[in-house]
N, C-alpha and C. Protein backbone atom coordinates (compact mmCIF):
# COMPACT_ATOMS: atom_id res chain seq x y z
N MET A 1 100.85 127.23 14.44
CA MET A 1 102.02 128.09 14.60
C MET A 1 102.93 127.96 13.38
N LYS A 2 103.57 129.08 13.01
CA LYS A 2 104.49 129.11 11.88
C LYS A 2 105.92 129.34 12.38
N PRO A 3 106.94 129.00 11.57
CA PRO A 3 108.32 129.24 12.01
C PRO A 3 108.58 130.69 12.41
N ASP A 4 107.93 131.66 11.76
CA ASP A 4 108.12 133.06 12.12
C ASP A 4 107.66 133.37 13.54
N GLU A 5 106.78 132.54 14.08
CA GLU A 5 106.19 132.80 15.40
C GLU A 5 106.93 132.09 16.53
N LEU A 6 107.95 131.34 16.22
CA LEU A 6 108.69 130.61 17.24
C LEU A 6 109.58 131.54 18.07
N ASP A 7 109.90 131.11 19.28
CA ASP A 7 110.83 131.84 20.15
C ASP A 7 112.25 131.42 19.73
N TRP A 8 112.81 132.14 18.77
CA TRP A 8 114.09 131.74 18.22
C TRP A 8 115.25 131.96 19.18
N ALA A 9 115.12 132.92 20.07
CA ALA A 9 116.18 133.10 21.07
C ALA A 9 116.27 131.88 21.98
N ALA A 10 115.11 131.35 22.38
CA ALA A 10 115.10 130.16 23.23
C ALA A 10 115.60 128.94 22.46
N LEU A 11 115.21 128.80 21.20
CA LEU A 11 115.67 127.67 20.40
C LEU A 11 117.18 127.73 20.18
N ALA A 12 117.71 128.94 19.94
CA ALA A 12 119.15 129.08 19.77
C ALA A 12 119.90 128.70 21.04
N ALA A 13 119.34 129.09 22.19
CA ALA A 13 119.98 128.73 23.46
C ALA A 13 119.98 127.22 23.67
N GLU A 14 118.88 126.56 23.28
CA GLU A 14 118.81 125.11 23.43
C GLU A 14 119.78 124.41 22.48
N LEU A 15 119.91 124.95 21.26
CA LEU A 15 120.90 124.40 20.33
C LEU A 15 122.30 124.54 20.88
N ASP A 16 122.58 125.68 21.52
CA ASP A 16 123.90 125.88 22.12
C ASP A 16 124.16 124.87 23.24
N GLU A 17 123.10 124.52 23.96
CA GLU A 17 123.27 123.63 25.11
C GLU A 17 123.34 122.16 24.71
N TYR A 18 122.50 121.76 23.76
CA TYR A 18 122.34 120.33 23.47
C TYR A 18 122.68 119.93 22.03
N GLY A 19 122.79 120.90 21.13
CA GLY A 19 123.00 120.56 19.72
C GLY A 19 121.72 120.25 18.98
N CYS A 20 120.57 120.32 19.68
CA CYS A 20 119.27 120.12 19.05
C CYS A 20 118.22 120.88 19.85
N ALA A 21 117.11 121.19 19.21
CA ALA A 21 116.05 121.95 19.86
C ALA A 21 114.71 121.56 19.26
N LEU A 22 113.75 121.23 20.11
CA LEU A 22 112.43 120.77 19.68
C LEU A 22 111.47 121.96 19.67
N THR A 23 110.74 122.12 18.57
CA THR A 23 109.78 123.22 18.46
C THR A 23 108.42 122.79 18.99
N PRO A 24 107.53 123.75 19.24
CA PRO A 24 106.12 123.41 19.44
C PRO A 24 105.53 122.83 18.15
N ARG A 25 104.26 122.43 18.21
CA ARG A 25 103.60 121.87 17.03
C ARG A 25 103.52 122.92 15.93
N LEU A 26 103.98 122.54 14.74
CA LEU A 26 103.94 123.43 13.58
C LEU A 26 103.00 122.91 12.48
N LEU A 27 102.76 121.61 12.46
CA LEU A 27 101.90 121.01 11.45
C LEU A 27 100.69 120.36 12.11
N THR A 28 99.53 120.48 11.49
CA THR A 28 98.33 119.82 12.00
C THR A 28 98.38 118.33 11.68
N PRO A 29 97.57 117.52 12.36
CA PRO A 29 97.53 116.09 12.01
C PRO A 29 97.20 115.86 10.54
N ASP A 30 96.29 116.64 9.97
CA ASP A 30 95.96 116.48 8.55
C ASP A 30 97.16 116.79 7.67
N GLN A 31 97.88 117.85 7.98
CA GLN A 31 99.08 118.17 7.20
C GLN A 31 100.12 117.06 7.30
N CYS A 32 100.28 116.49 8.48
CA CYS A 32 101.22 115.39 8.66
C CYS A 32 100.82 114.18 7.83
N ARG A 33 99.54 113.84 7.85
CA ARG A 33 99.07 112.70 7.06
C ARG A 33 99.27 112.94 5.57
N GLU A 34 99.02 114.17 5.12
CA GLU A 34 99.20 114.48 3.70
C GLU A 34 100.67 114.36 3.29
N LEU A 35 101.57 114.81 4.14
CA LEU A 35 102.99 114.68 3.83
C LEU A 35 103.42 113.22 3.82
N ALA A 36 102.99 112.45 4.82
CA ALA A 36 103.35 111.03 4.87
C ALA A 36 102.82 110.28 3.65
N ALA A 37 101.63 110.67 3.18
CA ALA A 37 101.02 109.99 2.03
C ALA A 37 101.80 110.21 0.74
N LEU A 38 102.61 111.26 0.68
CA LEU A 38 103.43 111.50 -0.51
C LEU A 38 104.38 110.33 -0.77
N TYR A 39 104.72 109.59 0.29
CA TYR A 39 105.67 108.49 0.13
C TYR A 39 105.22 107.48 -0.92
N ASP A 40 103.91 107.32 -1.06
CA ASP A 40 103.37 106.35 -1.99
C ASP A 40 103.08 106.95 -3.37
N GLU A 41 103.63 108.13 -3.64
CA GLU A 41 103.49 108.76 -4.95
C GLU A 41 104.89 108.94 -5.55
N PRO A 42 105.41 107.94 -6.25
CA PRO A 42 106.80 107.95 -6.72
C PRO A 42 107.18 109.15 -7.57
N ARG A 43 106.22 109.81 -8.21
CA ARG A 43 106.54 110.93 -9.09
C ARG A 43 107.21 112.08 -8.35
N HIS A 44 107.07 112.12 -7.02
CA HIS A 44 107.66 113.21 -6.24
C HIS A 44 109.14 113.00 -5.93
N PHE A 45 109.69 111.82 -6.25
CA PHE A 45 111.01 111.45 -5.72
C PHE A 45 112.00 111.13 -6.83
N ARG A 46 113.27 111.43 -6.54
CA ARG A 46 114.36 111.14 -7.47
C ARG A 46 115.07 109.84 -7.15
N ALA A 47 114.96 109.36 -5.91
CA ALA A 47 115.68 108.13 -5.51
C ALA A 47 115.03 107.53 -4.28
N THR A 48 115.08 106.20 -4.21
CA THR A 48 114.63 105.45 -3.04
C THR A 48 115.79 104.64 -2.51
N ILE A 49 116.04 104.75 -1.21
CA ILE A 49 117.19 104.08 -0.58
C ILE A 49 116.69 103.03 0.40
N ASP A 50 117.13 101.79 0.19
CA ASP A 50 116.89 100.71 1.15
C ASP A 50 118.08 100.69 2.11
N MET A 51 117.85 101.07 3.36
CA MET A 51 118.96 101.24 4.29
C MET A 51 119.70 99.94 4.57
N ALA A 52 118.99 98.82 4.62
CA ALA A 52 119.66 97.55 4.90
C ALA A 52 120.65 97.20 3.79
N ARG A 53 120.30 97.52 2.55
CA ARG A 53 121.17 97.20 1.41
C ARG A 53 122.54 97.87 1.54
N TYR A 54 122.53 99.08 2.04
CA TYR A 54 123.77 99.85 2.15
C TYR A 54 124.35 99.82 3.57
N ARG A 55 123.75 99.01 4.43
CA ARG A 55 124.18 98.86 5.82
C ARG A 55 124.10 100.20 6.56
N PHE A 56 123.05 100.98 6.22
CA PHE A 56 122.77 102.23 6.91
C PHE A 56 121.86 102.01 8.11
N GLY A 57 121.33 100.80 8.25
CA GLY A 57 120.34 100.50 9.28
C GLY A 57 119.30 99.59 8.67
N ALA A 58 118.01 99.87 8.92
CA ALA A 58 116.91 99.13 8.32
C ALA A 58 115.75 100.09 8.14
N GLY A 59 115.03 99.95 7.04
CA GLY A 59 113.97 100.89 6.70
C GLY A 59 114.25 101.47 5.32
N GLN A 60 113.53 102.51 4.99
CA GLN A 60 113.62 103.06 3.65
C GLN A 60 113.42 104.57 3.68
N TYR A 61 114.05 105.26 2.76
CA TYR A 61 113.76 106.69 2.60
C TYR A 61 113.82 107.08 1.14
N ARG A 62 113.19 108.22 0.85
CA ARG A 62 113.10 108.72 -0.51
C ARG A 62 113.50 110.18 -0.56
N TYR A 63 114.37 110.53 -1.53
CA TYR A 63 114.74 111.91 -1.77
C TYR A 63 113.75 112.55 -2.74
N PHE A 64 113.25 113.72 -2.37
CA PHE A 64 112.37 114.45 -3.27
C PHE A 64 113.12 114.91 -4.52
N ARG A 65 112.39 115.09 -5.61
CA ARG A 65 112.93 115.70 -6.81
C ARG A 65 112.44 117.15 -6.89
N TYR A 66 113.12 117.95 -7.69
CA TYR A 66 112.65 119.29 -8.00
C TYR A 66 111.63 119.22 -9.14
N PRO A 67 110.59 120.05 -9.14
CA PRO A 67 110.26 120.99 -8.07
C PRO A 67 109.70 120.26 -6.85
N LEU A 68 110.08 120.73 -5.67
CA LEU A 68 109.59 120.12 -4.45
C LEU A 68 108.09 120.33 -4.31
N PRO A 69 107.38 119.40 -3.66
CA PRO A 69 105.98 119.67 -3.33
C PRO A 69 105.87 120.98 -2.54
N GLU A 70 104.84 121.73 -2.78
CA GLU A 70 104.72 123.08 -2.21
C GLU A 70 104.90 123.11 -0.69
N PRO A 71 104.29 122.19 0.07
CA PRO A 71 104.48 122.26 1.53
C PRO A 71 105.94 122.06 1.94
N VAL A 72 106.65 121.20 1.23
CA VAL A 72 108.06 120.94 1.55
C VAL A 72 108.91 122.17 1.22
N ALA A 73 108.71 122.73 0.05
CA ALA A 73 109.45 123.93 -0.34
C ALA A 73 109.16 125.09 0.60
N ALA A 74 107.91 125.23 1.02
CA ALA A 74 107.53 126.34 1.90
C ALA A 74 108.19 126.21 3.27
N LEU A 75 108.24 125.01 3.80
CA LEU A 75 108.88 124.80 5.10
C LEU A 75 110.37 125.07 5.02
N ARG A 76 111.01 124.61 3.97
CA ARG A 76 112.45 124.84 3.80
C ARG A 76 112.74 126.34 3.73
N ALA A 77 111.93 127.06 2.96
CA ALA A 77 112.14 128.50 2.82
C ALA A 77 111.84 129.25 4.10
N ALA A 78 110.86 128.79 4.87
CA ALA A 78 110.47 129.48 6.10
C ALA A 78 111.50 129.33 7.21
N PHE A 79 112.19 128.19 7.25
CA PHE A 79 113.17 127.96 8.31
C PHE A 79 114.51 128.64 8.05
N TYR A 80 114.90 128.72 6.79
CA TYR A 80 116.25 129.18 6.47
C TYR A 80 116.61 130.53 7.09
N PRO A 81 115.79 131.58 6.96
CA PRO A 81 116.21 132.88 7.51
C PRO A 81 116.36 132.90 9.02
N HIS A 82 115.71 131.98 9.71
CA HIS A 82 115.83 131.92 11.17
C HIS A 82 117.03 131.08 11.61
N LEU A 83 117.38 130.10 10.81
CA LEU A 83 118.57 129.30 11.12
C LEU A 83 119.86 130.02 10.75
N LEU A 84 119.77 130.92 9.77
CA LEU A 84 120.96 131.59 9.26
C LEU A 84 121.74 132.35 10.33
N PRO A 85 121.10 133.17 11.19
CA PRO A 85 121.89 133.87 12.23
C PRO A 85 122.60 132.91 13.17
N ILE A 86 121.98 131.77 13.47
CA ILE A 86 122.62 130.78 14.34
C ILE A 86 123.84 130.20 13.64
N ALA A 87 123.68 129.87 12.36
CA ALA A 87 124.80 129.32 11.58
C ALA A 87 125.96 130.30 11.54
N ARG A 88 125.67 131.56 11.31
CA ARG A 88 126.73 132.57 11.24
C ARG A 88 127.40 132.78 12.59
N ASP A 89 126.61 132.75 13.66
CA ASP A 89 127.18 132.90 15.00
C ASP A 89 128.11 131.74 15.32
N TRP A 90 127.71 130.52 15.00
CA TRP A 90 128.56 129.36 15.24
C TRP A 90 129.85 129.47 14.45
N ALA A 91 129.75 129.88 13.19
CA ALA A 91 130.95 130.01 12.37
C ALA A 91 131.90 131.05 12.97
N ALA A 92 131.35 132.16 13.46
CA ALA A 92 132.19 133.21 14.06
C ALA A 92 132.92 132.69 15.30
N ARG A 93 132.24 131.92 16.11
CA ARG A 93 132.87 131.38 17.32
C ARG A 93 134.04 130.46 16.97
N LEU A 94 133.87 129.71 15.90
CA LEU A 94 134.90 128.74 15.52
C LEU A 94 135.95 129.32 14.59
N GLY A 95 135.77 130.56 14.17
CA GLY A 95 136.70 131.15 13.23
C GLY A 95 136.62 130.55 11.85
N HIS A 96 135.43 130.05 11.47
CA HIS A 96 135.22 129.43 10.18
C HIS A 96 134.55 130.40 9.21
N PRO A 97 134.70 130.19 7.91
CA PRO A 97 133.95 131.01 6.95
C PRO A 97 132.45 130.81 7.13
N ALA A 98 131.69 131.83 6.75
CA ALA A 98 130.22 131.76 6.80
C ALA A 98 129.71 132.09 5.40
N PRO A 99 129.69 131.12 4.50
CA PRO A 99 129.42 131.41 3.09
C PRO A 99 127.95 131.54 2.74
N TRP A 100 127.06 131.51 3.72
CA TRP A 100 125.64 131.41 3.45
C TRP A 100 125.03 132.79 3.24
N PRO A 101 124.46 133.07 2.07
CA PRO A 101 123.84 134.37 1.81
C PRO A 101 122.49 134.49 2.51
N ASP A 102 121.92 135.68 2.45
CA ASP A 102 120.63 135.92 3.11
C ASP A 102 119.51 135.12 2.48
N ASP A 103 119.62 134.83 1.19
CA ASP A 103 118.54 134.21 0.43
C ASP A 103 118.81 132.73 0.20
N LEU A 104 117.85 131.89 0.50
CA LEU A 104 118.03 130.44 0.32
C LEU A 104 118.28 130.09 -1.14
N GLU A 105 117.54 130.71 -2.05
CA GLU A 105 117.72 130.38 -3.47
C GLU A 105 119.12 130.72 -3.94
N GLU A 106 119.68 131.81 -3.44
CA GLU A 106 121.05 132.15 -3.80
C GLU A 106 122.03 131.11 -3.26
N TRP A 107 121.80 130.66 -2.05
CA TRP A 107 122.66 129.62 -1.48
C TRP A 107 122.57 128.33 -2.29
N LEU A 108 121.35 127.93 -2.67
CA LEU A 108 121.20 126.72 -3.46
C LEU A 108 121.84 126.89 -4.84
N ALA A 109 121.79 128.10 -5.39
CA ALA A 109 122.46 128.36 -6.67
C ALA A 109 123.96 128.16 -6.53
N ARG A 110 124.52 128.58 -5.40
CA ARG A 110 125.96 128.36 -5.17
C ARG A 110 126.25 126.86 -5.08
N CYS A 111 125.36 126.12 -4.41
CA CYS A 111 125.53 124.67 -4.36
C CYS A 111 125.54 124.09 -5.77
N HIS A 112 124.61 124.54 -6.60
CA HIS A 112 124.50 124.01 -7.96
C HIS A 112 125.73 124.36 -8.78
N ASP A 113 126.22 125.59 -8.61
CA ASP A 113 127.43 125.99 -9.33
C ASP A 113 128.63 125.12 -8.94
N ALA A 114 128.62 124.60 -7.71
CA ALA A 114 129.70 123.74 -7.22
C ALA A 114 129.46 122.27 -7.56
N GLY A 115 128.43 121.98 -8.34
CA GLY A 115 128.14 120.61 -8.72
C GLY A 115 127.19 119.88 -7.80
N GLN A 116 126.68 120.56 -6.77
CA GLN A 116 125.70 119.96 -5.85
C GLN A 116 124.31 120.35 -6.34
N THR A 117 123.76 119.56 -7.23
CA THR A 117 122.53 119.92 -7.94
C THR A 117 121.32 119.09 -7.54
N ARG A 118 121.52 118.02 -6.78
CA ARG A 118 120.42 117.11 -6.48
C ARG A 118 119.73 117.51 -5.17
N PRO A 119 118.41 117.62 -5.16
CA PRO A 119 117.69 118.04 -3.95
C PRO A 119 117.85 117.03 -2.81
N THR A 120 117.87 117.55 -1.60
CA THR A 120 118.12 116.70 -0.42
C THR A 120 116.96 116.57 0.56
N PRO A 121 115.87 117.36 0.47
CA PRO A 121 114.73 117.05 1.35
C PRO A 121 114.32 115.59 1.18
N ILE A 122 113.90 114.98 2.29
CA ILE A 122 113.81 113.53 2.34
C ILE A 122 112.58 113.11 3.14
N LEU A 123 111.95 112.04 2.71
CA LEU A 123 110.84 111.45 3.45
C LEU A 123 111.26 110.04 3.84
N LEU A 124 111.17 109.75 5.14
CA LEU A 124 111.65 108.46 5.66
C LEU A 124 110.49 107.64 6.19
N ARG A 125 110.58 106.32 6.01
CA ARG A 125 109.55 105.40 6.49
C ARG A 125 110.23 104.25 7.24
N TYR A 126 109.79 104.03 8.47
CA TYR A 126 110.29 102.95 9.30
C TYR A 126 109.13 102.07 9.76
N GLY A 127 109.38 100.77 9.84
CA GLY A 127 108.43 99.84 10.43
C GLY A 127 109.06 99.14 11.62
N PRO A 128 108.38 98.16 12.21
CA PRO A 128 108.94 97.44 13.36
C PRO A 128 110.30 96.84 13.04
N GLY A 129 111.26 97.08 13.92
CA GLY A 129 112.61 96.57 13.75
C GLY A 129 113.53 97.47 12.95
N ASP A 130 112.99 98.54 12.36
CA ASP A 130 113.81 99.44 11.56
C ASP A 130 114.52 100.47 12.43
N TRP A 131 115.66 100.94 11.91
CA TRP A 131 116.48 101.90 12.65
C TRP A 131 117.40 102.60 11.66
N ASN A 132 118.05 103.67 12.11
CA ASN A 132 118.95 104.42 11.24
C ASN A 132 120.29 104.59 11.95
N ALA A 133 121.36 104.15 11.28
CA ALA A 133 122.69 104.23 11.88
C ALA A 133 123.13 105.69 12.04
N LEU A 134 124.03 105.92 12.97
CA LEU A 134 124.56 107.26 13.17
C LEU A 134 125.31 107.72 11.92
N HIS A 135 125.04 108.96 11.51
CA HIS A 135 125.61 109.46 10.26
C HIS A 135 125.54 110.98 10.23
N ARG A 136 126.06 111.55 9.13
CA ARG A 136 125.94 112.97 8.85
C ARG A 136 125.43 113.14 7.42
N ASP A 137 124.62 114.16 7.20
CA ASP A 137 124.08 114.45 5.86
C ASP A 137 124.90 115.58 5.24
N LEU A 138 126.04 115.24 4.66
CA LEU A 138 126.96 116.25 4.14
C LEU A 138 126.79 116.46 2.64
N TYR A 139 126.95 115.46 1.83
CA TYR A 139 126.62 115.47 0.40
C TYR A 139 127.57 116.25 -0.50
N GLY A 140 128.53 116.98 0.02
CA GLY A 140 129.43 117.76 -0.81
C GLY A 140 130.23 118.72 0.05
N ASP A 141 131.03 119.58 -0.60
CA ASP A 141 131.87 120.52 0.14
C ASP A 141 131.08 121.66 0.77
N LEU A 142 129.96 122.04 0.16
CA LEU A 142 129.14 123.13 0.70
C LEU A 142 128.09 122.54 1.63
N VAL A 143 128.14 122.97 2.89
CA VAL A 143 127.30 122.38 3.94
C VAL A 143 126.66 123.49 4.77
N PHE A 144 125.36 123.37 5.01
CA PHE A 144 124.69 124.24 5.98
C PHE A 144 124.69 123.51 7.31
N PRO A 145 125.04 124.19 8.42
CA PRO A 145 125.34 123.47 9.67
C PRO A 145 124.14 123.05 10.49
N LEU A 146 122.93 123.35 10.03
CA LEU A 146 121.73 122.96 10.78
C LEU A 146 120.73 122.34 9.83
N GLN A 147 119.92 121.43 10.33
CA GLN A 147 118.84 120.85 9.55
C GLN A 147 117.65 120.58 10.45
N VAL A 148 116.54 120.17 9.85
CA VAL A 148 115.26 120.07 10.57
C VAL A 148 114.58 118.76 10.20
N VAL A 149 113.97 118.10 11.18
CA VAL A 149 113.18 116.90 10.92
C VAL A 149 111.82 117.05 11.60
N PHE A 150 110.76 116.67 10.89
CA PHE A 150 109.39 116.73 11.40
C PHE A 150 108.88 115.33 11.68
N GLY A 151 108.23 115.15 12.83
CA GLY A 151 107.51 113.92 13.10
C GLY A 151 106.15 113.96 12.43
N LEU A 152 105.76 112.85 11.77
CA LEU A 152 104.50 112.82 11.02
C LEU A 152 103.50 111.81 11.55
N ASP A 153 103.88 110.97 12.50
CA ASP A 153 103.01 109.88 12.97
C ASP A 153 102.89 109.89 14.49
N THR A 154 101.87 109.13 14.96
CA THR A 154 101.68 108.95 16.41
C THR A 154 101.64 107.47 16.80
N ASP A 155 101.34 106.59 15.83
CA ASP A 155 101.04 105.19 16.17
C ASP A 155 102.26 104.30 16.09
N TYR A 156 103.31 104.66 16.83
CA TYR A 156 104.50 103.80 16.88
C TYR A 156 105.16 103.95 18.25
N THR A 157 105.99 102.98 18.59
CA THR A 157 106.80 103.07 19.80
C THR A 157 108.26 102.88 19.41
N GLY A 158 109.16 103.34 20.28
CA GLY A 158 110.58 103.36 19.93
C GLY A 158 110.82 104.47 18.92
N GLY A 159 111.87 104.32 18.12
CA GLY A 159 112.12 105.29 17.06
C GLY A 159 112.50 106.67 17.55
N GLU A 160 113.20 106.74 18.69
CA GLU A 160 113.65 108.05 19.17
C GLU A 160 114.75 108.60 18.27
N PHE A 161 114.78 109.91 18.12
CA PHE A 161 115.84 110.56 17.37
C PHE A 161 117.08 110.62 18.26
N LEU A 162 118.22 110.19 17.73
CA LEU A 162 119.46 110.12 18.49
C LEU A 162 120.46 111.13 17.97
N LEU A 163 121.12 111.80 18.89
CA LEU A 163 122.21 112.72 18.55
C LEU A 163 123.39 112.37 19.43
N VAL A 164 124.54 112.10 18.82
CA VAL A 164 125.74 111.72 19.57
C VAL A 164 126.84 112.71 19.25
N GLU A 165 127.37 113.33 20.28
CA GLU A 165 128.37 114.38 20.15
C GLU A 165 129.69 113.96 20.80
N GLN A 166 130.76 114.09 20.05
CA GLN A 166 132.09 113.81 20.59
C GLN A 166 132.60 115.06 21.28
N ARG A 167 132.68 115.02 22.60
CA ARG A 167 133.14 116.17 23.37
C ARG A 167 134.67 116.25 23.31
N PRO A 168 135.22 117.45 23.33
CA PRO A 168 136.69 117.58 23.29
C PRO A 168 137.36 116.86 24.46
N ARG A 169 138.27 115.94 24.13
CA ARG A 169 139.04 115.19 25.14
C ARG A 169 138.13 114.55 26.19
N ALA A 170 137.00 113.99 25.73
CA ALA A 170 136.04 113.35 26.65
C ALA A 170 135.27 112.29 25.89
N GLN A 171 134.48 111.50 26.62
CA GLN A 171 133.63 110.50 26.00
C GLN A 171 132.47 111.16 25.26
N SER A 172 131.89 110.43 24.32
CA SER A 172 130.76 110.96 23.56
C SER A 172 129.54 111.17 24.46
N ARG A 173 128.74 112.16 24.09
CA ARG A 173 127.50 112.45 24.81
C ARG A 173 126.32 112.18 23.89
N GLY A 174 125.33 111.43 24.37
CA GLY A 174 124.16 111.11 23.57
C GLY A 174 122.92 111.83 24.06
N THR A 175 122.04 112.20 23.12
CA THR A 175 120.76 112.82 23.43
C THR A 175 119.69 112.08 22.64
N ALA A 176 118.60 111.67 23.30
CA ALA A 176 117.49 111.00 22.64
C ALA A 176 116.25 111.87 22.75
N THR A 177 115.53 112.02 21.64
CA THR A 177 114.34 112.87 21.61
C THR A 177 113.18 112.10 20.98
N ALA A 178 112.06 112.05 21.69
CA ALA A 178 110.84 111.48 21.12
C ALA A 178 110.21 112.56 20.24
N LEU A 179 110.07 112.28 18.96
CA LEU A 179 109.61 113.28 18.00
C LEU A 179 108.10 113.14 17.83
N LYS A 180 107.36 114.10 18.38
CA LYS A 180 105.91 114.05 18.33
C LYS A 180 105.37 114.53 16.99
N GLN A 181 104.17 114.09 16.68
CA GLN A 181 103.55 114.45 15.40
C GLN A 181 103.40 115.97 15.28
N GLY A 182 103.87 116.51 14.16
CA GLY A 182 103.71 117.94 13.89
C GLY A 182 104.78 118.82 14.48
N HIS A 183 105.63 118.27 15.34
CA HIS A 183 106.72 119.02 15.94
C HIS A 183 107.97 118.86 15.07
N ALA A 184 108.86 119.83 15.15
CA ALA A 184 110.11 119.78 14.40
C ALA A 184 111.28 119.77 15.37
N LEU A 185 112.32 119.04 15.01
CA LEU A 185 113.56 119.05 15.76
C LEU A 185 114.64 119.68 14.89
N ILE A 186 115.24 120.76 15.37
CA ILE A 186 116.38 121.40 14.71
C ILE A 186 117.63 120.78 15.29
N PHE A 187 118.59 120.42 14.44
CA PHE A 187 119.77 119.77 14.99
C PHE A 187 121.00 120.05 14.14
N THR A 188 122.13 119.71 14.69
CA THR A 188 123.43 119.96 14.09
C THR A 188 123.70 119.01 12.93
N THR A 189 124.18 119.55 11.81
CA THR A 189 124.49 118.73 10.64
C THR A 189 125.82 118.01 10.78
N ARG A 190 126.87 118.73 11.17
CA ARG A 190 128.22 118.15 11.15
C ARG A 190 128.95 118.35 12.47
N ASP A 191 129.09 119.58 12.92
CA ASP A 191 129.74 119.88 14.20
C ASP A 191 129.19 121.20 14.72
N ARG A 192 129.51 121.51 15.97
CA ARG A 192 128.99 122.72 16.58
C ARG A 192 130.01 123.24 17.59
N PRO A 193 129.94 124.52 17.94
CA PRO A 193 130.92 125.06 18.88
C PRO A 193 130.61 124.68 20.32
N VAL A 194 131.64 124.24 21.04
CA VAL A 194 131.53 124.01 22.48
C VAL A 194 132.74 124.66 23.14
N ARG A 195 132.54 125.15 24.34
CA ARG A 195 133.63 125.80 25.07
C ARG A 195 134.63 124.77 25.58
N SER A 196 135.89 125.12 25.48
CA SER A 196 136.94 124.28 26.05
C SER A 196 137.93 125.19 26.76
N SER A 197 138.93 124.59 27.37
CA SER A 197 139.92 125.38 28.10
C SER A 197 140.71 126.29 27.16
N ARG A 198 140.64 126.01 25.87
CA ARG A 198 141.38 126.80 24.88
C ARG A 198 140.47 127.70 24.05
N GLY A 199 139.24 127.88 24.53
CA GLY A 199 138.28 128.70 23.79
C GLY A 199 137.20 127.82 23.18
N TRP A 200 136.82 128.12 21.95
CA TRP A 200 135.79 127.34 21.26
C TRP A 200 136.41 126.23 20.43
N SER A 201 135.79 125.04 20.53
CA SER A 201 136.20 123.89 19.73
C SER A 201 135.01 123.37 18.96
N ALA A 202 135.28 122.74 17.82
CA ALA A 202 134.23 122.13 17.01
C ALA A 202 134.01 120.69 17.48
N ALA A 203 132.82 120.43 18.02
CA ALA A 203 132.49 119.08 18.48
C ALA A 203 131.77 118.33 17.36
N PRO A 204 132.35 117.25 16.84
CA PRO A 204 131.68 116.47 15.79
C PRO A 204 130.39 115.85 16.31
N VAL A 205 129.37 115.83 15.45
CA VAL A 205 128.04 115.33 15.83
C VAL A 205 127.53 114.40 14.73
N ARG A 206 126.92 113.30 15.15
CA ARG A 206 126.23 112.40 14.23
C ARG A 206 124.81 112.17 14.75
N HIS A 207 123.92 111.78 13.86
CA HIS A 207 122.54 111.54 14.28
C HIS A 207 122.03 110.24 13.69
N GLY A 208 120.97 109.70 14.29
CA GLY A 208 120.37 108.47 13.82
C GLY A 208 119.01 108.28 14.48
N VAL A 209 118.46 107.08 14.38
CA VAL A 209 117.14 106.76 14.93
C VAL A 209 117.23 105.41 15.63
N SER A 210 116.70 105.35 16.86
CA SER A 210 116.69 104.08 17.57
C SER A 210 115.68 103.12 16.96
N THR A 211 115.74 101.86 17.32
CA THR A 211 114.89 100.84 16.73
C THR A 211 113.41 101.11 17.00
N VAL A 212 112.62 101.08 15.94
CA VAL A 212 111.17 101.17 16.07
C VAL A 212 110.66 99.82 16.59
N ARG A 213 109.88 99.87 17.66
CA ARG A 213 109.39 98.63 18.27
C ARG A 213 108.06 98.19 17.66
N THR A 214 107.14 99.13 17.53
CA THR A 214 105.83 98.82 16.95
C THR A 214 105.38 99.99 16.08
N GLY A 215 104.51 99.69 15.10
CA GLY A 215 103.89 100.73 14.30
C GLY A 215 104.76 101.18 13.15
N ARG A 216 104.34 102.29 12.55
CA ARG A 216 105.05 102.86 11.40
C ARG A 216 105.40 104.31 11.71
N ARG A 217 106.62 104.69 11.36
CA ARG A 217 107.14 106.02 11.65
C ARG A 217 107.57 106.71 10.36
N HIS A 218 106.92 107.84 10.03
CA HIS A 218 107.34 108.68 8.91
C HIS A 218 107.91 109.98 9.46
N THR A 219 108.95 110.46 8.82
CA THR A 219 109.49 111.78 9.15
C THR A 219 109.86 112.51 7.86
N LEU A 220 109.77 113.83 7.92
CA LEU A 220 110.20 114.71 6.83
C LEU A 220 111.50 115.38 7.25
N GLY A 221 112.55 115.22 6.46
CA GLY A 221 113.83 115.84 6.77
C GLY A 221 114.14 116.96 5.81
N LEU A 222 114.54 118.11 6.35
CA LEU A 222 114.91 119.28 5.54
C LEU A 222 116.39 119.55 5.71
N VAL A 223 117.13 119.37 4.62
CA VAL A 223 118.55 119.70 4.57
C VAL A 223 118.68 120.94 3.69
N PHE A 224 119.54 121.87 4.07
CA PHE A 224 119.59 123.18 3.42
C PHE A 224 120.76 123.34 2.47
N HIS A 225 121.35 122.23 2.06
CA HIS A 225 122.33 122.22 0.96
C HIS A 225 121.99 121.04 0.07
N ASP A 226 122.27 121.16 -1.21
CA ASP A 226 121.96 120.09 -2.14
C ASP A 226 123.17 119.16 -2.32
N ALA A 227 122.96 118.08 -3.08
CA ALA A 227 123.94 116.99 -3.12
C ALA A 227 124.61 116.89 -4.49
N THR A 228 125.81 116.32 -4.49
CA THR A 228 126.52 116.05 -5.74
C THR A 228 125.87 114.87 -6.46
């Protein structure tokens, strides 16, 4: 299945309800293994981050460099036009600007003009005991409000994807998702609209990963704005 073939109305409704939405399988096991294997080819990456060093959690991730590997670039380009109407709808509800053009390359050019020139697609690797602290992938003033993560492995336990949302005048709400191999999870980058007694409010959202208990967990993350 390709992103063009997904039921986007159903995914948009799930995003409205939970702030995240899980797709059917989009990548074959072979495609997942090929993407995970890129981790051991340093020429594809501009930076490697040790999460424990920066107190981000435990584990490691690598940011891709331009030009992106073809499968990564193709997935980023395929998702953008389907996420764009959702992003614009959310902005309209909140009364926020919607600066995102129809074309991904034009949007990335605007990021670059604003000094956000470093690519943000990311490959993450976790082993037993590794985890990712709750955070947001903002990287600069220009932000796309949705992003996507793909599960690439099957041989691990734990490592659920976590989404924590601060509800207006209420306690935070958490959502945990087991990310299966080849499936993608679409989720909120920074905040999302939720109904309140005063209309629509922006609910802040952070995401992370629970502790991996056994095995190795690779994921591919697609962020649709570049970094300073």
